Amino acid sequence: MKVLEIHSIVGEDTLIYYRRNYTAIASLEFMTSKADVKISFTLEIDPFGRKTVYLEYPFGTDFDYPVIPVTKAIKEKIITMDNEGTLPI
């Protein structure tokens, strides 16, 4: 399983400066197929600078792969994108 890209990222306005909310589409590649999955995620930065990602899938999202490895890979991709500065503010 591989996360190809996260695109169509739309940031939502929040009044809390250490939390950023987004909706996006994650392009995933499985062994024999590819899938685009809608996601919504929150990136939160704690007082020590550690980043935590909370990821949600819309109700009824179904892909033919275990959810935990997919979620872990998407979270890692999101943190990498934020470190590179490619997430909108």
Protein backbone atom coordinates (compact mmCIF):
# COMPACT_ATOMS: atom_id res chain seq x y z
CA MET A 1 0.00 0.00 0.00
CA LYS A 2 1.29 3.44 -0.92
CA VAL A 3 -0.05 6.99 -0.61
CA LEU A 4 0.50 8.54 -4.03
CA GLU A 5 -0.62 12.06 -3.14
CA ILE A 6 -3.01 14.14 -1.11
CA HIS A 7 -4.72 16.73 -3.28
CA SER A 8 -7.70 19.07 -3.40
CA ILE A 9 -6.77 20.29 0.07
CA VAL A 10 -9.17 22.88 1.49
CA GLY A 11 -8.43 24.52 4.82
CA GLU A 12 -11.22 25.51 7.18
CA ASP A 13 -11.07 28.66 9.27
CA THR A 14 -10.60 28.13 12.99
CA LEU A 15 -10.11 30.52 15.85
CA ILE A 16 -7.63 28.26 17.63
CA TYR A 17 -4.15 29.03 16.31
CA TYR A 18 -2.58 25.65 17.13
CA ARG A 19 -5.22 23.59 15.28
CA ARG A 20 -5.79 23.51 11.54
CA ASN A 21 -8.71 21.67 9.93
CA TYR A 22 -8.66 20.40 6.35
CA THR A 23 -10.62 18.31 3.88
CA ALA A 24 -8.85 16.58 1.02
CA ILE A 25 -8.68 13.58 -1.28
CA ALA A 26 -6.01 10.92 -0.75
CA SER A 27 -4.90 8.93 -3.79
CA LEU A 28 -3.91 5.43 -2.67
CA GLU A 29 -2.28 2.58 -4.55
CA PHE A 30 -2.98 -0.94 -3.36
CA MET A 31 -1.47 -4.16 -4.70
CA THR A 32 -3.71 -4.38 -7.76
CA SER A 33 -5.78 -1.20 -7.75
CA LYS A 34 -5.88 2.52 -7.07
CA ALA A 35 -8.47 4.45 -5.09
CA ASP A 36 -9.29 8.07 -4.26
CA VAL A 37 -10.57 8.44 -0.70
CA LYS A 38 -12.13 11.56 0.78
CA ILE A 39 -10.62 12.49 4.14
CA SER A 40 -10.89 15.19 6.73
CA PHE A 41 -8.06 15.80 9.14
CA THR A 42 -6.94 18.10 11.92
CA LEU A 43 -3.32 19.00 12.46
CA GLU A 44 -2.63 20.01 16.05
CA ILE A 45 0.67 21.32 17.41
CA ASP A 46 1.29 20.97 21.15
CA PRO A 47 3.32 23.45 23.28
CA PHE A 48 6.49 21.40 22.70
CA GLY A 49 6.14 21.53 18.90
CA ARG A 50 4.99 17.94 18.40
CA LYS A 51 2.46 17.49 15.62
CA THR A 52 -0.56 15.23 15.98
CA VAL A 53 -2.89 14.35 13.13
CA TYR A 54 -6.52 13.32 13.71
CA LEU A 55 -7.90 11.65 10.58
CA GLU A 56 -11.52 10.85 9.71
CA TYR A 57 -13.14 9.11 6.78
CA PRO A 58 -16.70 9.99 5.70
CA PHE A 59 -19.38 7.53 6.71
CA GLY A 60 -19.58 4.67 4.24
CA THR A 61 -15.98 4.90 3.00
CA ASP A 62 -14.84 1.46 1.95
CA PHE A 63 -11.55 0.30 0.51
CA ASP A 64 -10.25 -3.23 0.19
CA TYR A 65 -7.31 -2.93 2.59
CA PRO A 66 -6.88 -2.88 6.40
CA VAL A 67 -7.69 0.55 7.83
CA ILE A 68 -4.84 0.89 10.35
CA PRO A 69 -1.93 0.75 7.84
CA VAL A 70 -3.78 3.11 5.49
CA THR A 71 -4.43 5.60 8.30
CA LYS A 72 -0.81 5.44 9.48
CA ALA A 73 0.54 6.04 5.96
CA ILE A 74 -1.80 8.99 5.35
CA LYS A 75 -0.86 10.59 8.69
CA GLU A 76 2.85 10.26 7.87
CA LYS A 77 2.27 11.86 4.46
CA ILE A 78 0.36 14.76 6.05
CA ILE A 79 3.15 15.45 8.56
CA THR A 80 5.74 15.30 5.76
CA MET A 81 3.70 17.74 3.68
CA ASP A 82 3.40 20.12 6.63
CA ASN A 83 7.15 19.95 7.32
CA GLU A 84 7.83 20.76 3.66
CA GLY A 85 5.36 23.66 3.77
CA THR A 86 2.98 22.32 1.10
CA LEU A 87 -0.16 22.41 3.25
CA PRO A 88 -2.19 25.62 2.97
CA ILE A 89 -2.33 27.75 6.11
